[in-house]
Amino acid sequence: MIGLDKLIEDALREDIHTGDITTLAVVAGGRPARARLVAKEPMVLAGIDVAARVFHILDPTISFTPRFEDGARLSAGDLIAELEGDASLLLQGERVALNLVQRMCGTATLTARFVEAVRGTRARIVDTRKTTPGLRVLEKYAVRVGGGINHRTGLYDGVLIKENHIAAAGGITEAVRRARAYIPHTMKIEVETETLAEVEEALAAGAEIIMLDNMDLESMSEAVALIGGRALVEASGGVNLETVRGIAGTGVDIISVGALTHSARAMDISMLLEVA
C-alpha cells in the first residue's frame, strides 16, 4: 500500500515518542519472547500484513507467522498469528498493530454483513469518503476484504456534484456543463439528487451516475424506472442493516454506506506474550 510505512512510522512515533517508559523500566532489552495474536470474537480478518509490517519496522528480525489470510472468517479463540523476537520491541509494537488491525477487521466485518444483506439483488455495497483521517487507504482496503467496493478514493479521482456544488454553480445543468468542460472524456460525472425533478434534470444534462439522496423507497423505485438504465443509480442516506435490503429491492445499482468506515466497531483481538 502506498504510504503504509509512513502511516505506521507516524503511529509508532505518536505512541512511543521519546521512549516506552514502562517497558524500559521493567523489561530487559534483548530478552527473547514469543507472542500470539488471538481473536476474542467472530470477525472477518483484515490487515494481517499491516500488523506484520508494524513489527518489522520496529525490528526486521522479528518473526511474524500468520495463521490466516485476509478475508478469513474467524471464530473466538482462533490463533491469528505467532511472533518471536525481543520482548521489549514486541511490547512497543503491540498497541499500534492492534489498533490498526482491530479497526480494519471491524470495517471488513461490518461490510460483509451489508453484502450478505443484499445478496441475490443487483445492488453492490460501496464505501464513502467518511473515513478516519490518515487511515483511508487501510479502511478502503478493509471494505474490499469484506466484499464491498470502493467509491472514489478522494476529491481528485472522481466527479460527484453534490447539493452545495449545485447551489454554487446555479443549478444541475450548469454544474454538469462546467464539469464536462473541465474533465477528460474518460471520466464519468455523478450528480446527487433529492427529487424526481432533479433526477430528470441530471439525466437531461448527461450525468452517467445519479445518486438518490435520502429518498423514500417509493420515490427510489420511481427514480429507477425514470432513469431506465440510462445511468447508473446510487442510493445514499438512511442506510443501515435494517433498511438496506428494502433499498436494494428498488433496483438501484449501488448503495453507499458511510457507516462502513465511520461507525464500524473495532474487533477484539489480544496479544499474549510469553518470555522464553
Protein backbone atom coordinates (compact mmCIF):
# COMPACT_ATOMS: atom_id res chain seq x y z
CA MET A 1 0.00 0.00 0.00
CA ILE A 2 1.29 3.45 -0.91
CA GLY A 3 2.27 5.39 2.17
CA LEU A 4 1.84 2.45 4.56
CA ASP A 5 5.31 2.69 6.11
CA LYS A 6 4.92 6.40 6.83
CA LEU A 7 1.49 5.80 8.36
CA ILE A 8 2.92 3.13 10.65
CA GLU A 9 6.01 5.15 11.49
CA ASP A 10 3.85 8.13 12.45
CA ALA A 11 1.67 5.91 14.63
CA LEU A 12 4.68 4.38 16.36
CA ARG A 13 6.19 7.82 16.92
CA GLU A 14 2.91 9.05 18.39
CA ASP A 15 2.77 6.12 20.82
CA ILE A 16 6.44 5.61 21.77
CA HIS A 17 7.64 9.21 21.34
CA THR A 18 10.80 9.55 23.47
CA GLY A 19 10.57 6.01 24.81
CA ASP A 20 8.27 3.37 26.30
CA ILE A 21 8.84 4.21 29.96
CA THR A 22 7.14 1.11 31.34
CA THR A 23 8.99 -1.33 29.12
CA LEU A 24 12.34 0.44 29.60
CA ALA A 25 11.89 0.19 33.36
CA VAL A 26 10.50 -3.33 33.60
CA VAL A 27 11.69 -5.42 30.62
CA ALA A 28 15.34 -6.09 29.91
CA GLY A 29 16.35 -5.32 26.36
CA GLY A 30 17.27 -8.29 24.22
CA ARG A 31 15.18 -10.78 26.17
CA PRO A 32 13.63 -13.25 23.70
CA ALA A 33 9.89 -13.80 23.78
CA ARG A 34 7.01 -15.32 21.89
CA ALA A 35 3.60 -13.73 21.35
CA ARG A 36 0.25 -14.77 19.94
CA LEU A 37 -2.45 -12.66 18.32
CA VAL A 38 -5.82 -14.19 19.26
CA ALA A 39 -9.34 -13.36 18.09
CA LYS A 40 -11.66 -12.72 21.02
CA GLU A 41 -14.86 -12.74 18.93
CA PRO A 42 -16.09 -13.76 15.45
CA MET A 43 -14.82 -11.46 12.70
CA VAL A 44 -13.58 -11.09 9.14
CA LEU A 45 -9.80 -10.75 9.23
CA ALA A 46 -8.27 -7.72 7.53
CA GLY A 47 -4.81 -6.21 7.92
CA ILE A 48 -2.63 -9.20 8.76
CA ASP A 49 0.19 -7.81 6.58
CA VAL A 50 -0.21 -4.42 8.23
CA ALA A 51 0.33 -5.99 11.65
CA ALA A 52 3.42 -7.77 10.38
CA ARG A 53 4.78 -4.53 8.95
CA VAL A 54 4.42 -2.74 12.30
CA PHE A 55 6.75 -5.22 13.99
CA HIS A 56 9.16 -5.42 11.06
CA ILE A 57 9.57 -1.64 11.05
CA LEU A 58 10.50 -1.84 14.74
CA ASP A 59 12.86 -4.77 14.13
CA PRO A 60 13.26 -6.62 10.81
CA THR A 61 14.43 -9.73 12.70
CA ILE A 62 11.09 -10.25 14.45
CA SER A 63 9.44 -13.41 13.18
CA PHE A 64 5.77 -12.94 12.29
CA THR A 65 3.89 -16.07 11.18
CA PRO A 66 0.25 -15.55 10.14
CA ARG A 67 -2.16 -18.45 10.59
CA PHE A 68 -4.93 -16.93 8.43
CA GLU A 69 -5.11 -14.69 5.39
CA ASP A 70 -7.18 -11.55 4.98
CA GLY A 71 -10.80 -12.38 4.27
CA ALA A 72 -10.84 -15.39 6.58
CA ARG A 73 -13.90 -15.77 8.82
CA LEU A 74 -12.55 -16.18 12.32
CA SER A 75 -14.15 -17.58 15.45
CA ALA A 76 -13.49 -16.55 19.03
CA GLY A 77 -10.25 -18.16 20.19
CA ASP A 78 -8.68 -18.52 16.75
CA LEU A 79 -4.92 -18.02 16.64
CA ILE A 80 -4.31 -15.25 14.11
CA ALA A 81 -0.51 -15.07 14.15
CA GLU A 82 2.57 -16.05 16.13
CA LEU A 83 5.55 -13.78 16.77
CA GLU A 84 9.08 -14.25 18.11
CA GLY A 85 11.59 -11.55 18.94
CA ASP A 86 12.87 -9.09 21.51
CA ALA A 87 10.23 -8.83 24.24
CA SER A 88 10.65 -5.08 24.60
CA LEU A 89 10.07 -4.49 20.88
CA LEU A 90 7.08 -6.83 20.76
CA LEU A 91 5.53 -4.80 23.58
CA GLN A 92 6.27 -1.50 21.87
CA GLY A 93 4.57 -2.62 18.66
CA GLU A 94 1.57 -4.25 20.34
CA ARG A 95 -0.84 -1.33 20.58
CA VAL A 96 -0.17 0.18 17.16
CA ALA A 97 -0.55 -3.21 15.48
CA LEU A 98 -3.76 -4.00 17.35
CA ASN A 99 -5.24 -0.53 16.84
CA LEU A 100 -4.83 -0.78 13.09
CA VAL A 101 -5.87 -4.41 12.66
CA GLN A 102 -8.84 -4.21 15.03
CA ARG A 103 -10.23 -1.21 13.10
CA MET A 104 -9.65 -2.91 9.75
CA CYS A 105 -11.32 -6.11 10.95
CA GLY A 106 -14.26 -4.06 12.19
CA THR A 107 -14.75 -2.45 8.80
CA ALA A 108 -14.35 -5.75 6.94
CA THR A 109 -16.79 -7.49 9.28
CA LEU A 110 -19.46 -4.80 9.00
CA THR A 111 -19.04 -4.66 5.22
CA ALA A 112 -19.54 -8.41 4.98
CA ARG A 113 -22.81 -8.09 6.91
CA PHE A 114 -24.11 -5.48 4.47
CA VAL A 115 -23.00 -7.54 1.47
CA GLU A 116 -24.81 -10.56 2.85
CA ALA A 117 -27.94 -8.49 3.49
CA VAL A 118 -28.30 -7.61 -0.21
CA ARG A 119 -27.25 -10.98 -1.59
CA GLY A 120 -29.45 -12.02 -4.53
CA THR A 121 -30.16 -8.45 -5.61
CA ARG A 122 -28.34 -6.38 -8.22
CA ALA A 123 -27.13 -3.86 -5.64
CA ARG A 124 -23.46 -3.53 -4.73
CA ILE A 125 -22.27 -2.13 -1.42
CA VAL A 126 -19.78 0.74 -1.70
CA ASP A 127 -17.99 2.94 0.82
CA THR A 128 -17.69 6.73 1.07
CA ARG A 129 -15.07 9.36 1.95
CA LYS A 130 -16.27 9.31 5.58
CA THR A 131 -13.04 7.70 6.74
CA THR A 132 -10.69 8.25 9.66
CA PRO A 133 -8.18 10.96 8.68
CA GLY A 134 -4.90 9.31 7.76
CA LEU A 135 -6.35 5.80 7.62
CA ARG A 136 -8.35 5.97 4.38
CA VAL A 137 -6.11 3.58 2.45
CA LEU A 138 -6.44 0.95 5.19
CA GLU A 139 -10.19 1.38 5.68
CA LYS A 140 -10.97 1.24 1.98
CA TYR A 141 -8.83 -1.87 1.66
CA ALA A 142 -10.81 -3.42 4.54
CA VAL A 143 -14.06 -2.67 2.68
CA ARG A 144 -12.77 -4.68 -0.28
CA VAL A 145 -11.75 -7.53 2.02
CA GLY A 146 -15.31 -7.59 3.37
CA GLY A 147 -16.74 -7.93 -0.15
CA GLY A 148 -17.62 -4.29 -0.76
CA ILE A 149 -16.48 -1.93 -3.49
CA ASN A 150 -14.67 1.37 -3.19
CA HIS A 151 -16.30 4.62 -4.26
CA ARG A 152 -13.88 7.37 -5.31
CA THR A 153 -10.72 7.46 -3.23
CA GLY A 154 -10.75 11.22 -2.74
CA LEU A 155 -11.69 14.52 -4.32
CA TYR A 156 -9.06 14.02 -7.01
CA ASP A 157 -10.22 10.86 -8.78
CA GLY A 158 -13.95 11.27 -9.41
CA VAL A 159 -16.62 13.89 -10.06
CA LEU A 160 -19.52 13.94 -7.60
CA ILE A 161 -21.65 17.06 -7.89
CA LYS A 162 -23.46 17.49 -4.58
CA GLU A 163 -26.08 19.99 -3.43
CA ASN A 164 -23.52 22.62 -2.43
CA HIS A 165 -21.80 22.39 -5.82
CA ILE A 166 -25.20 22.73 -7.48
CA ALA A 167 -26.02 25.79 -5.38
CA ALA A 168 -22.65 27.39 -6.15
CA ALA A 169 -22.96 26.72 -9.90
CA GLY A 170 -26.57 27.89 -10.17
CA GLY A 171 -28.17 24.53 -10.94
CA ILE A 172 -27.59 20.94 -12.01
CA THR A 173 -27.44 21.68 -15.73
CA GLU A 174 -24.79 24.36 -15.34
CA ALA A 175 -22.78 22.30 -12.85
CA VAL A 176 -22.68 19.33 -15.24
CA ARG A 177 -21.78 21.59 -18.17
CA ARG A 178 -18.83 23.04 -16.28
CA ALA A 179 -17.65 19.63 -15.11
CA ARG A 180 -17.87 18.21 -18.64
CA ALA A 181 -15.77 21.05 -19.98
CA TYR A 182 -13.14 20.55 -17.31
CA ILE A 183 -12.60 16.78 -17.06
CA PRO A 184 -11.14 14.32 -19.59
CA HIS A 185 -13.51 12.28 -21.73
CA THR A 186 -12.56 9.14 -19.78
CA MET A 187 -14.11 10.39 -16.51
CA LYS A 188 -17.77 9.99 -15.54
CA ILE A 189 -19.96 12.57 -13.81
CA GLU A 190 -22.14 11.73 -10.84
CA VAL A 191 -24.89 14.05 -9.59
CA GLU A 192 -26.63 14.00 -6.22
CA THR A 193 -30.43 14.39 -6.47
CA GLU A 194 -33.18 14.67 -3.89
CA THR A 195 -36.31 14.83 -6.07
CA LEU A 196 -37.62 13.25 -9.26
CA ALA A 197 -37.41 16.64 -10.95
CA GLU A 198 -33.69 16.77 -10.15
CA VAL A 199 -33.30 13.23 -11.49
CA GLU A 200 -34.85 14.34 -14.78
CA GLU A 201 -32.58 17.37 -14.96
CA ALA A 202 -29.48 15.31 -14.22
CA LEU A 203 -30.43 12.83 -16.93
CA ALA A 204 -31.04 15.59 -19.45
CA ALA A 205 -27.69 17.16 -18.57
CA GLY A 206 -25.91 13.88 -19.34
CA ALA A 207 -24.90 12.59 -15.91
CA GLU A 208 -23.64 9.00 -16.10
CA ILE A 209 -24.31 8.26 -12.42
CA ILE A 210 -27.26 9.59 -10.43
CA MET A 211 -27.30 9.49 -6.64
CA LEU A 212 -30.69 9.28 -4.96
CA ASP A 213 -30.09 11.04 -1.66
CA ASN A 214 -32.36 10.26 1.30
CA MET A 215 -35.31 9.28 -0.89
CA ASP A 216 -38.05 7.01 0.45
CA LEU A 217 -38.46 3.59 -1.15
CA GLU A 218 -41.39 4.61 -3.34
CA SER A 219 -39.50 7.59 -4.74
CA MET A 220 -36.42 5.45 -5.30
CA SER A 221 -38.44 2.92 -7.29
CA GLU A 222 -39.93 5.72 -9.38
CA ALA A 223 -36.50 7.19 -9.99
CA VAL A 224 -35.07 3.83 -11.08
CA ALA A 225 -37.96 3.44 -13.54
CA LEU A 226 -37.50 7.00 -14.79
CA ILE A 227 -33.77 6.51 -15.34
CA GLY A 228 -34.48 3.25 -17.15
CA GLY A 229 -30.88 2.12 -17.43
CA ARG A 230 -29.65 5.37 -18.96
CA ALA A 231 -27.40 6.00 -15.95
CA LEU A 232 -26.02 4.06 -13.02
CA VAL A 233 -28.17 4.57 -9.93
CA GLU A 234 -26.73 5.02 -6.45
CA ALA A 235 -28.77 5.14 -3.24
CA SER A 236 -27.40 7.09 -0.29
CA GLY A 237 -28.63 8.21 3.12
CA GLY A 238 -30.53 6.37 5.82
CA VAL A 239 -28.78 3.09 5.05
CA ASN A 240 -28.37 0.57 7.84
CA LEU A 241 -28.65 -3.19 8.22
CA GLU A 242 -32.41 -2.92 8.78
CA THR A 243 -33.09 -0.76 5.70
CA VAL A 244 -30.51 -1.91 3.17
CA ARG A 245 -32.48 -4.92 1.83
CA GLY A 246 -35.50 -2.76 1.08
CA ILE A 247 -33.32 -0.19 -0.65
CA ALA A 248 -31.73 -2.92 -2.77
CA GLY A 249 -35.22 -4.08 -3.73
CA THR A 250 -35.92 -0.80 -5.53
CA GLY A 251 -33.50 -1.84 -8.26
CA VAL A 252 -30.64 0.56 -7.57
CA ASP A 253 -27.18 -0.46 -8.77
CA ILE A 254 -25.12 0.86 -5.87
CA ILE A 255 -25.78 1.51 -2.20
CA SER A 256 -23.22 3.74 -0.48
CA VAL A 257 -22.81 3.22 3.25
CA GLY A 258 -20.83 5.73 5.28
CA ALA A 259 -21.13 3.56 8.37
CA LEU A 260 -18.67 1.03 6.91
CA THR A 261 -15.83 3.35 7.84
CA HIS A 262 -17.21 5.98 10.21
CA SER A 263 -19.14 3.70 12.57
CA ALA A 264 -17.59 0.23 12.38
CA ARG A 265 -16.78 -1.15 15.83
CA ALA A 266 -13.19 -2.29 16.30
CA MET A 267 -12.99 -6.05 16.75
CA ASP A 268 -11.49 -7.54 19.91
CA ILE A 269 -8.01 -9.02 19.40
CA SER A 270 -5.44 -9.73 22.11
CA MET A 271 -1.70 -10.14 22.04
CA LEU A 272 -0.50 -12.66 24.62
CA LEU A 273 3.23 -12.63 25.40
CA GLU A 274 5.43 -15.36 26.86
CA VAL A 275 9.11 -14.82 27.66
CA ALA A 276 11.47 -17.59 26.68
